[in-house]
Amino acid sequence: MALITMDGVQLEITSVSAPEESRAPQRQPIVFLHEGLGSVAMWRDWPAAVCQATGRSGWVYSRRGYGQSSPAPEKLPPDYLHREAWDVLPALLDRLGAARPVLLGHSDGASIALLYASRFPVAACIVMAPHVMVEDVSIESIAQARDAFQDKSNGLRQRLARYHADVDGAFWQWNDAWLNPAFRSFDIREDCRHISAPVLAIQGVDDPYGTMAQIDQIPLPQGQITRLPLQGCGHSPHRDQTQLTTQAIAAFLAPLD
């Protein structure tokens, strides 16, 4: 793990090496974009497994306010996903020399991946449990997460504290943004029409934060988008169906080598 400074903000970042036997300069790296309460550490060893399976290198970073990155100075605005995708991420990728990466995002990170790909070139875009619009089920589950975080008896705050230097800042900046009435208008379906790269969209059938509409309503033609519903899977395909998800990603990226 290292810290990279951009405009006075320190971001936690780590690199993943490609397997020695499959290193090829033409293979673009995978950039992992975490969920709303995620961080570098919360990915655990899965990015390394994906890089091993695909023969690619990778970058994993914690957004501001998460993990060991600098704390956020204020609450996230309703357009925070757009700002991350169109302002922060381009500057970070330029700093890393990753001009045309494979973006692999989960939840909030998946939305950021789609937004970035709508304006900037990518080799491919892989999204797990993306949010392309706001559903009632999403708001209900996020309100339940708020109640669980405030309930000292269930241990949610303590579990998250293992992964975030400022656990309260990490939780409330995400939770307050989603429960802000102004966020109900969040809808990136029209932005997605501008994506030209191939897209793999993975959605757990039992996801409490979103229905199958989240991938079904990404308005891209067959042949450009591959939709993968996963049975027995909730909001985190890489944790709930690790082998299937990793295999699907490797198969999706193989023709792009």
C-alpha atoms as a PDB file:
ATOM      1  CA  MET A   1       0.000   0.000   0.000  1.00  0.00           C
ATOM      2  CA  ALA A   2       1.177   3.510  -0.808  1.00  0.00           C
ATOM      3  CA  LEU A   3      -0.196   7.031  -0.713  1.00  0.00           C
ATOM      4  CA  ILE A   4      -0.328   9.244  -3.786  1.00  0.00           C
ATOM      5  CA  THR A   5      -0.892  12.992  -3.411  1.00  0.00           C
ATOM      6  CA  MET A   6      -3.138  14.846  -5.846  1.00  0.00           C
ATOM      7  CA  ASP A   7      -4.049  18.494  -5.304  1.00  0.00           C
ATOM      8  CA  GLY A   8      -3.124  18.174  -1.646  1.00  0.00           C
ATOM      9  CA  VAL A   9      -5.268  15.045  -1.147  1.00  0.00           C
ATOM     10  CA  GLN A  10      -3.658  11.732  -0.269  1.00  0.00           C
ATOM     11  CA  LEU A  11      -5.198   8.651  -1.863  1.00  0.00           C
ATOM     12  CA  GLU A  12      -4.436   5.139  -0.683  1.00  0.00           C
ATOM     13  CA  ILE A  13      -3.366   3.040  -3.661  1.00  0.00           C
ATOM     14  CA  THR A  14      -1.824  -0.332  -4.330  1.00  0.00           C
ATOM     15  CA  SER A  15      -0.628  -2.038  -7.491  1.00  0.00           C
ATOM     16  CA  VAL A  16      -1.122  -5.653  -8.502  1.00  0.00           C
ATOM     17  CA  SER A  17       1.456  -7.257 -10.772  1.00  0.00           C
ATOM     18  CA  ALA A  18       0.498  -9.343 -13.771  1.00  0.00           C
ATOM     19  CA  PRO A  19       1.507 -13.007 -13.676  1.00  0.00           C
ATOM     20  CA  GLU A  20       5.102 -13.334 -14.827  1.00  0.00           C
ATOM     21  CA  GLU A  21       4.274 -15.876 -17.513  1.00  0.00           C
ATOM     22  CA  SER A  22       1.540 -13.790 -19.127  1.00  0.00           C
ATOM     23  CA  ARG A  23       2.845 -10.248 -19.057  1.00  0.00           C
ATOM     24  CA  ALA A  24       2.185  -8.469 -22.321  1.00  0.00           C
ATOM     25  CA  PRO A  25       2.622  -4.723 -22.903  1.00  0.00           C
ATOM     26  CA  GLN A  26      -0.568  -4.493 -24.995  1.00  0.00           C
ATOM     27  CA  ARG A  27      -2.802  -5.655 -22.152  1.00  0.00           C
ATOM     28  CA  GLN A  28      -4.316  -2.674 -20.413  1.00  0.00           C
ATOM     29  CA  PRO A  29      -4.352  -2.731 -16.594  1.00  0.00           C
ATOM     30  CA  ILE A  30      -7.499  -3.266 -14.561  1.00  0.00           C
ATOM     31  CA  VAL A  31      -8.517  -0.396 -12.288  1.00  0.00           C
ATOM     32  CA  PHE A  32     -10.723  -1.519  -9.389  1.00  0.00           C
ATOM     33  CA  LEU A  33     -13.383   0.948  -8.201  1.00  0.00           C
ATOM     34  CA  HIS A  34     -14.871   0.131  -4.813  1.00  0.00           C
ATOM     35  CA  GLU A  35     -18.412   0.252  -3.471  1.00  0.00           C
ATOM     36  CA  GLY A  36     -19.948   3.044  -1.388  1.00  0.00           C
ATOM     37  CA  LEU A  37     -18.430   1.767   1.855  1.00  0.00           C
ATOM     38  CA  GLY A  38     -15.422   0.057   0.297  1.00  0.00           C
ATOM     39  CA  SER A  39     -11.672   0.589   0.349  1.00  0.00           C
ATOM     40  CA  VAL A  40      -8.465  -1.037  -0.828  1.00  0.00           C
ATOM     41  CA  ALA A  41      -8.498  -3.451   2.115  1.00  0.00           C
ATOM     42  CA  MET A  42     -12.131  -4.455   1.659  1.00  0.00           C
ATOM     43  CA  TRP A  43     -11.349  -5.979  -1.737  1.00  0.00           C
ATOM     44  CA  ARG A  44      -9.090  -8.395   0.168  1.00  0.00           C
ATOM     45  CA  ASP A  45      -7.193 -10.688  -2.220  1.00  0.00           C
ATOM     46  CA  TRP A  46      -9.750 -10.702  -5.035  1.00  0.00           C
ATOM     47  CA  PRO A  47      -8.005  -8.122  -7.288  1.00  0.00           C
ATOM     48  CA  ALA A  48      -4.901 -10.322  -7.248  1.00  0.00           C
ATOM     49  CA  ALA A  49      -7.031 -13.331  -8.215  1.00  0.00           C
ATOM     50  CA  VAL A  50      -8.587 -11.399 -11.114  1.00  0.00           C
ATOM     51  CA  CYS A  51      -5.202 -10.206 -12.352  1.00  0.00           C
ATOM     52  CA  GLN A  52      -3.903 -13.771 -12.128  1.00  0.00           C
ATOM     53  CA  ALA A  53      -6.892 -15.117 -14.074  1.00  0.00           C
ATOM     54  CA  THR A  54      -6.711 -12.446 -16.772  1.00  0.00           C
ATOM     55  CA  GLY A  55      -2.943 -12.043 -17.088  1.00  0.00           C
ATOM     56  CA  ARG A  56      -3.172  -8.320 -16.405  1.00  0.00           C
ATOM     57  CA  SER A  57      -1.764  -5.889 -13.882  1.00  0.00           C
ATOM     58  CA  GLY A  58      -4.051  -3.813 -11.710  1.00  0.00           C
ATOM     59  CA  TRP A  59      -4.512  -0.713  -9.619  1.00  0.00           C
ATOM     60  CA  VAL A  60      -6.692  -0.515  -6.508  1.00  0.00           C
ATOM     61  CA  TYR A  61      -7.364   2.746  -4.691  1.00  0.00           C
ATOM     62  CA  SER A  62      -9.538   4.166  -1.933  1.00  0.00           C
ATOM     63  CA  ARG A  63     -11.547   7.244  -2.797  1.00  0.00           C
ATOM     64  CA  ARG A  64     -11.211  10.297  -0.600  1.00  0.00           C
ATOM     65  CA  GLY A  65     -12.830   9.696   2.777  1.00  0.00           C
ATOM     66  CA  TYR A  66     -12.392   5.914   2.603  1.00  0.00           C
ATOM     67  CA  GLY A  67      -9.760   3.469   3.754  1.00  0.00           C
ATOM     68  CA  GLN A  68      -6.526   5.284   4.562  1.00  0.00           C
ATOM     69  CA  SER A  69      -7.107   8.135   2.114  1.00  0.00           C
ATOM     70  CA  SER A  70      -7.477  11.720   3.302  1.00  0.00           C
ATOM     71  CA  PRO A  71     -10.769  12.439   5.053  1.00  0.00           C
ATOM     72  CA  ALA A  72     -13.488  14.220   3.162  1.00  0.00           C
ATOM     73  CA  PRO A  73     -13.914  17.819   4.369  1.00  0.00           C
ATOM     74  CA  GLU A  74     -17.682  17.889   3.921  1.00  0.00           C
ATOM     75  CA  LYS A  75     -20.674  15.804   2.948  1.00  0.00           C
ATOM     76  CA  LEU A  76     -20.784  14.399  -0.534  1.00  0.00           C
ATOM     77  CA  PRO A  77     -22.936  16.410  -2.958  1.00  0.00           C
ATOM     78  CA  PRO A  78     -25.736  14.648  -4.869  1.00  0.00           C
ATOM     79  CA  ASP A  79     -23.549  14.562  -7.995  1.00  0.00           C
ATOM     80  CA  TYR A  80     -20.568  12.981  -6.208  1.00  0.00           C
ATOM     81  CA  LEU A  81     -20.455   9.976  -8.558  1.00  0.00           C
ATOM     82  CA  HIS A  82     -20.213  12.257 -11.586  1.00  0.00           C
ATOM     83  CA  ARG A  83     -17.453  14.303  -9.958  1.00  0.00           C
ATOM     84  CA  GLU A  84     -15.442  11.202  -9.131  1.00  0.00           C
ATOM     85  CA  ALA A  85     -15.864   9.832 -12.661  1.00  0.00           C
ATOM     86  CA  TRP A  86     -15.265  13.005 -14.630  1.00  0.00           C
ATOM     87  CA  ASP A  87     -12.813  14.956 -12.448  1.00  0.00           C
ATOM     88  CA  VAL A  88     -10.935  12.783  -9.954  1.00  0.00           C
ATOM     89  CA  LEU A  89     -10.554   9.523 -11.860  1.00  0.00           C
ATOM     90  CA  PRO A  90      -9.216  11.072 -15.102  1.00  0.00           C
ATOM     91  CA  ALA A  91      -6.552  12.942 -13.129  1.00  0.00           C
ATOM     92  CA  LEU A  92      -5.590   9.806 -11.211  1.00  0.00           C
ATOM     93  CA  LEU A  93      -5.357   7.644 -14.325  1.00  0.00           C
ATOM     94  CA  ASP A  94      -3.235  10.298 -16.020  1.00  0.00           C
ATOM     95  CA  ARG A  95      -0.926  10.259 -13.002  1.00  0.00           C
ATOM     96  CA  LEU A  96      -0.684   6.461 -13.215  1.00  0.00           C
ATOM     97  CA  GLY A  97      -0.130   6.453 -16.968  1.00  0.00           C
ATOM     98  CA  ALA A  98      -3.229   4.296 -17.478  1.00  0.00           C
ATOM     99  CA  ALA A  99      -4.641   5.968 -20.567  1.00  0.00           C
ATOM    100  CA  ARG A 100      -7.116   3.281 -21.663  1.00  0.00           C
ATOM    101  CA  PRO A 101      -7.683   0.913 -18.752  1.00  0.00           C
ATOM    102  CA  VAL A 102     -10.147  -1.828 -18.037  1.00  0.00           C
ATOM    103  CA  LEU A 103     -12.466  -0.418 -15.371  1.00  0.00           C
ATOM    104  CA  LEU A 104     -13.913  -2.888 -12.871  1.00  0.00           C
ATOM    105  CA  GLY A 105     -16.394  -1.299 -10.492  1.00  0.00           C
ATOM    106  CA  HIS A 106     -18.690  -2.512  -7.742  1.00  0.00           C
ATOM    107  CA  SER A 107     -21.899  -0.679  -6.742  1.00  0.00           C
ATOM    108  CA  ASP A 108     -20.987   3.036  -6.499  1.00  0.00           C
ATOM    109  CA  GLY A 109     -17.717   2.132  -8.203  1.00  0.00           C
ATOM    110  CA  ALA A 110     -19.665   0.505 -11.033  1.00  0.00           C
ATOM    111  CA  SER A 111     -21.639   3.704 -11.575  1.00  0.00           C
ATOM    112  CA  ILE A 112     -18.371   5.643 -11.639  1.00  0.00           C
ATOM    113  CA  ALA A 113     -16.993   3.199 -14.210  1.00  0.00           C
ATOM    114  CA  LEU A 114     -19.996   3.672 -16.498  1.00  0.00           C
ATOM    115  CA  LEU A 115     -19.864   7.450 -16.179  1.00  0.00           C
ATOM    116  CA  TYR A 116     -16.136   7.533 -16.924  1.00  0.00           C
ATOM    117  CA  ALA A 117     -16.568   5.260 -19.943  1.00  0.00           C
ATOM    118  CA  SER A 118     -19.288   7.565 -21.275  1.00  0.00           C
ATOM    119  CA  ARG A 119     -16.715  10.348 -21.756  1.00  0.00           C
ATOM    120  CA  PHE A 120     -13.256   8.774 -21.842  1.00  0.00           C
ATOM    121  CA  PRO A 121     -11.722   5.826 -23.711  1.00  0.00           C
ATOM    122  CA  VAL A 122     -11.502   2.486 -21.926  1.00  0.00           C
ATOM    123  CA  ALA A 123     -10.528  -0.960 -23.145  1.00  0.00           C
ATOM    124  CA  ALA A 124     -13.544  -2.457 -21.398  1.00  0.00           C
ATOM    125  CA  CYS A 125     -15.966  -1.750 -18.571  1.00  0.00           C
ATOM    126  CA  ILE A 126     -16.970  -4.404 -16.017  1.00  0.00           C
ATOM    127  CA  VAL A 127     -19.711  -3.440 -13.578  1.00  0.00           C
ATOM    128  CA  MET A 128     -21.013  -5.447 -10.629  1.00  0.00           C
ATOM    129  CA  ALA A 129     -24.301  -4.358  -9.045  1.00  0.00           C
ATOM    130  CA  PRO A 130     -24.246  -0.939 -10.744  1.00  0.00           C
ATOM    131  CA  HIS A 131     -26.650   1.876  -9.945  1.00  0.00           C
ATOM    132  CA  VAL A 132     -27.913   3.456 -13.158  1.00  0.00           C
ATOM    133  CA  MET A 133     -30.992   4.956 -11.501  1.00  0.00           C
ATOM    134  CA  VAL A 134     -32.474   5.110  -8.012  1.00  0.00           C
ATOM    135  CA  GLU A 135     -34.982   2.440  -7.006  1.00  0.00           C
ATOM    136  CA  ASP A 136     -37.166   2.378  -3.912  1.00  0.00           C
ATOM    137  CA  VAL A 137     -35.481  -0.842  -2.801  1.00  0.00           C
ATOM    138  CA  SER A 138     -32.117   0.935  -2.850  1.00  0.00           C
ATOM    139  CA  ILE A 139     -33.301   3.726  -0.584  1.00  0.00           C
ATOM    140  CA  GLU A 140     -35.005   1.294   1.764  1.00  0.00           C
ATOM    141  CA  SER A 141     -31.848  -0.797   2.140  1.00  0.00           C
ATOM    142  CA  ILE A 142     -29.650   2.252   2.664  1.00  0.00           C
ATOM    143  CA  ALA A 143     -32.032   3.515   5.357  1.00  0.00           C
ATOM    144  CA  GLN A 144     -31.759   0.086   6.996  1.00  0.00           C
ATOM    145  CA  ALA A 145     -27.965   0.359   6.834  1.00  0.00           C
ATOM    146  CA  ARG A 146     -28.215   3.697   8.652  1.00  0.00           C
ATOM    147  CA  ASP A 147     -30.236   2.098  11.426  1.00  0.00           C
ATOM    148  CA  ALA A 148     -27.798  -0.823  11.649  1.00  0.00           C
ATOM    149  CA  PHE A 149     -24.801   1.524  11.861  1.00  0.00           C
ATOM    150  CA  GLN A 150     -26.421   3.407  14.727  1.00  0.00           C
ATOM    151  CA  ASP A 151     -27.345   0.194  16.562  1.00  0.00           C
ATOM    152  CA  LYS A 152     -24.311  -0.546  18.725  1.00  0.00           C
ATOM    153  CA  SER A 153     -25.428  -4.108  19.353  1.00  0.00           C
ATOM    154  CA  ASN A 154     -24.964  -5.471  15.814  1.00  0.00           C
ATOM    155  CA  GLY A 155     -21.299  -4.588  15.306  1.00  0.00           C
ATOM    156  CA  LEU A 156     -21.580  -2.983  11.844  1.00  0.00           C
ATOM    157  CA  ARG A 157     -19.655   0.118  12.873  1.00  0.00           C
ATOM    158  CA  GLN A 158     -16.938  -1.998  14.483  1.00  0.00           C
ATOM    159  CA  ARG A 159     -16.578  -4.183  11.390  1.00  0.00           C
ATOM    160  CA  LEU A 160     -16.281  -1.191   9.072  1.00  0.00           C
ATOM    161  CA  ALA A 161     -13.775   0.457  11.409  1.00  0.00           C
ATOM    162  CA  ARG A 162     -11.255  -2.247  10.461  1.00  0.00           C
ATOM    163  CA  TYR A 163     -11.126  -0.812   6.952  1.00  0.00           C
ATOM    164  CA  HIS A 164     -11.482   2.959   7.385  1.00  0.00           C
ATOM    165  CA  ALA A 165      -9.321   5.424   9.281  1.00  0.00           C
ATOM    166  CA  ASP A 166     -12.427   7.599   9.775  1.00  0.00           C
ATOM    167  CA  VAL A 167     -15.302   5.123   9.872  1.00  0.00           C
ATOM    168  CA  ASP A 168     -17.940   7.716  10.757  1.00  0.00           C
ATOM    169  CA  GLY A 169     -16.858   9.982   7.929  1.00  0.00           C
ATOM    170  CA  ALA A 170     -16.839   7.079   5.470  1.00  0.00           C
ATOM    171  CA  PHE A 171     -20.300   5.889   6.451  1.00  0.00           C
ATOM    172  CA  TRP A 172     -22.132   9.165   6.740  1.00  0.00           C
ATOM    173  CA  GLN A 173     -20.786  10.781   3.594  1.00  0.00           C
ATOM    174  CA  TRP A 174     -22.202   7.830   1.633  1.00  0.00           C
ATOM    175  CA  ASN A 175     -25.408   7.363   3.588  1.00  0.00           C
ATOM    176  CA  ASP A 176     -26.323  11.046   3.725  1.00  0.00           C
ATOM    177  CA  ALA A 177     -25.743  11.451  -0.013  1.00  0.00           C
ATOM    178  CA  TRP A 178     -28.015   8.569  -0.920  1.00  0.00           C
ATOM    179  CA  LEU A 179     -30.760   9.619   1.503  1.00  0.00           C
ATOM    180  CA  ASN A 180     -30.626  13.233   0.335  1.00  0.00           C
ATOM    181  CA  PRO A 181     -33.938  13.883  -1.488  1.00  0.00           C
ATOM    182  CA  ALA A 182     -31.936  15.554  -4.278  1.00  0.00           C
ATOM    183  CA  PHE A 183     -30.286  12.214  -5.051  1.00  0.00           C
ATOM    184  CA  ARG A 184     -33.583  10.626  -6.109  1.00  0.00           C
ATOM    185  CA  SER A 185     -33.147  12.158  -9.561  1.00  0.00           C
ATOM    186  CA  PHE A 186     -29.846  10.307 -10.125  1.00  0.00           C
ATOM    187  CA  ASP A 187     -30.157   8.583 -13.511  1.00  0.00           C
ATOM    188  CA  ILE A 188     -27.228   7.829 -15.819  1.00  0.00           C
ATOM    189  CA  ARG A 189     -29.019   5.756 -18.459  1.00  0.00           C
ATOM    190  CA  GLU A 190     -28.670   8.456 -21.103  1.00  0.00           C
ATOM    191  CA  ASP A 191     -24.980   8.884 -20.276  1.00  0.00           C
ATOM    192  CA  CYS A 192     -24.489   5.164 -20.856  1.00  0.00           C
ATOM    193  CA  ARG A 193     -25.593   5.557 -24.479  1.00  0.00           C
ATOM    194  CA  HIS A 194     -22.253   7.247 -25.155  1.00  0.00           C
ATOM    195  CA  ILE A 195     -20.174   4.249 -24.074  1.00  0.00           C
ATOM    196  CA  SER A 196     -18.345   2.698 -27.013  1.00  0.00           C
ATOM    197  CA  ALA A 197     -16.353   0.007 -25.180  1.00  0.00           C
ATOM    198  CA  PRO A 198     -17.557  -3.541 -24.465  1.00  0.00           C
ATOM    199  CA  VAL A 199     -19.393  -3.855 -21.153  1.00  0.00           C
ATOM    200  CA  LEU A 200     -19.907  -6.812 -18.818  1.00  0.00           C
ATOM    201  CA  ALA A 201     -22.751  -6.135 -16.365  1.00  0.00           C
ATOM    202  CA  ILE A 202     -23.166  -8.545 -13.427  1.00  0.00           C
ATOM    203  CA  GLN A 203     -26.148  -8.423 -11.077  1.00  0.00           C
ATOM    204  CA  GLY A 204     -27.071 -10.659  -8.161  1.00  0.00           C
ATOM    205  CA  VAL A 205     -30.678 -11.821  -8.377  1.00  0.00           C
ATOM    206  CA  ASP A 206     -31.004 -11.427  -4.594  1.00  0.00           C
ATOM    207  CA  ASP A 207     -29.384  -7.984  -4.360  1.00  0.00           C
ATOM    208  CA  PRO A 208     -31.205  -5.952  -1.666  1.00  0.00           C
ATOM    209  CA  TYR A 209     -29.823  -2.702  -3.117  1.00  0.00           C
ATOM    210  CA  GLY A 210     -31.094  -3.060  -6.678  1.00  0.00           C
ATOM    211  CA  THR A 211     -33.149  -5.191  -9.043  1.00  0.00           C
ATOM    212  CA  MET A 212     -32.267  -6.693 -12.411  1.00  0.00           C
ATOM    213  CA  ALA A 213     -33.469  -3.424 -13.966  1.00  0.00           C
ATOM    214  CA  GLN A 214     -30.102  -1.933 -13.041  1.00  0.00           C
ATOM    215  CA  ILE A 215     -28.376  -3.943 -15.765  1.00  0.00           C
ATOM    216  CA  ASP A 216     -31.382  -4.543 -18.027  1.00  0.00           C
ATOM    217  CA  GLN A 217     -31.834  -0.797 -18.508  1.00  0.00           C
ATOM    218  CA  ILE A 218     -28.269  -0.002 -19.537  1.00  0.00           C
ATOM    219  CA  PRO A 219     -29.144   1.164 -23.078  1.00  0.00           C
ATOM    220  CA  LEU A 220     -26.441  -0.568 -25.096  1.00  0.00           C
ATOM    221  CA  PRO A 221     -26.951  -2.975 -27.990  1.00  0.00           C
ATOM    222  CA  GLN A 222     -26.499  -6.722 -27.793  1.00  0.00           C
ATOM    223  CA  GLY A 223     -22.983  -7.521 -28.874  1.00  0.00           C
ATOM    224  CA  GLN A 224     -21.613  -4.558 -26.965  1.00  0.00           C
ATOM    225  CA  ILE A 225     -23.003  -5.471 -23.541  1.00  0.00           C
ATOM    226  CA  THR A 226     -23.022  -8.857 -21.854  1.00  0.00           C
ATOM    227  CA  ARG A 227     -25.553  -9.144 -19.021  1.00  0.00           C
ATOM    228  CA  LEU A 228     -24.913 -11.783 -16.373  1.00  0.00           C
ATOM    229  CA  PRO A 229     -27.570 -12.411 -13.698  1.00  0.00           C
ATOM    230  CA  LEU A 230     -26.260 -14.541 -10.833  1.00  0.00           C
ATOM    231  CA  GLN A 231     -28.525 -16.795  -8.796  1.00  0.00           C
ATOM    232  CA  GLY A 232     -27.770 -17.147  -5.103  1.00  0.00           C
ATOM    233  CA  CYS A 233     -26.028 -13.778  -5.152  1.00  0.00           C
ATOM    234  CA  GLY A 234     -26.684 -10.559  -3.291  1.00  0.00           C
ATOM    235  CA  HIS A 235     -25.003  -7.186  -3.663  1.00  0.00           C
ATOM    236  CA  SER A 236     -21.416  -8.458  -3.901  1.00  0.00           C
ATOM    237  CA  PRO A 237     -20.859 -10.932  -6.770  1.00  0.00           C
ATOM    238  CA  HIS A 238     -17.125 -11.120  -6.065  1.00  0.00           C
ATOM    239  CA  ARG A 239     -17.859 -12.331  -2.536  1.00  0.00           C
ATOM    240  CA  ASP A 240     -21.133 -14.244  -2.989  1.00  0.00           C
ATOM    241  CA  GLN A 241     -20.187 -16.032  -6.222  1.00  0.00           C
ATOM    242  CA  THR A 242     -16.433 -15.563  -6.353  1.00  0.00           C
ATOM    243  CA  GLN A 243     -15.509 -18.340  -8.770  1.00  0.00           C
ATOM    244  CA  LEU A 244     -18.309 -17.668 -11.247  1.00  0.00           C
ATOM    245  CA  THR A 245     -17.600 -13.938 -11.228  1.00  0.00           C
ATOM    246  CA  THR A 246     -13.854 -14.332 -11.707  1.00  0.00           C
ATOM    247  CA  GLN A 247     -14.348 -16.850 -14.511  1.00  0.00           C
ATOM    248  CA  ALA A 248     -16.868 -14.605 -16.264  1.00  0.00           C
ATOM    249  CA  ILE A 249     -14.481 -11.652 -16.140  1.00  0.00           C
ATOM    250  CA  ALA A 250     -11.578 -13.726 -17.482  1.00  0.00           C
ATOM    251  CA  ALA A 251     -13.732 -15.057 -20.334  1.00  0.00           C
ATOM    252  CA  PHE A 252     -15.012 -11.570 -21.147  1.00  0.00           C
ATOM    253  CA  LEU A 253     -11.526 -10.056 -21.317  1.00  0.00           C
ATOM    254  CA  ALA A 254      -9.822 -12.934 -23.137  1.00  0.00           C
ATOM    255  CA  PRO A 255     -10.840 -11.812 -26.674  1.00  0.00           C
ATOM    256  CA  LEU A 256      -9.508  -8.318 -25.949  1.00  0.00           C
ATOM    257  CA  ASP A 257      -5.907  -9.475 -25.463  1.00  0.00           C
END
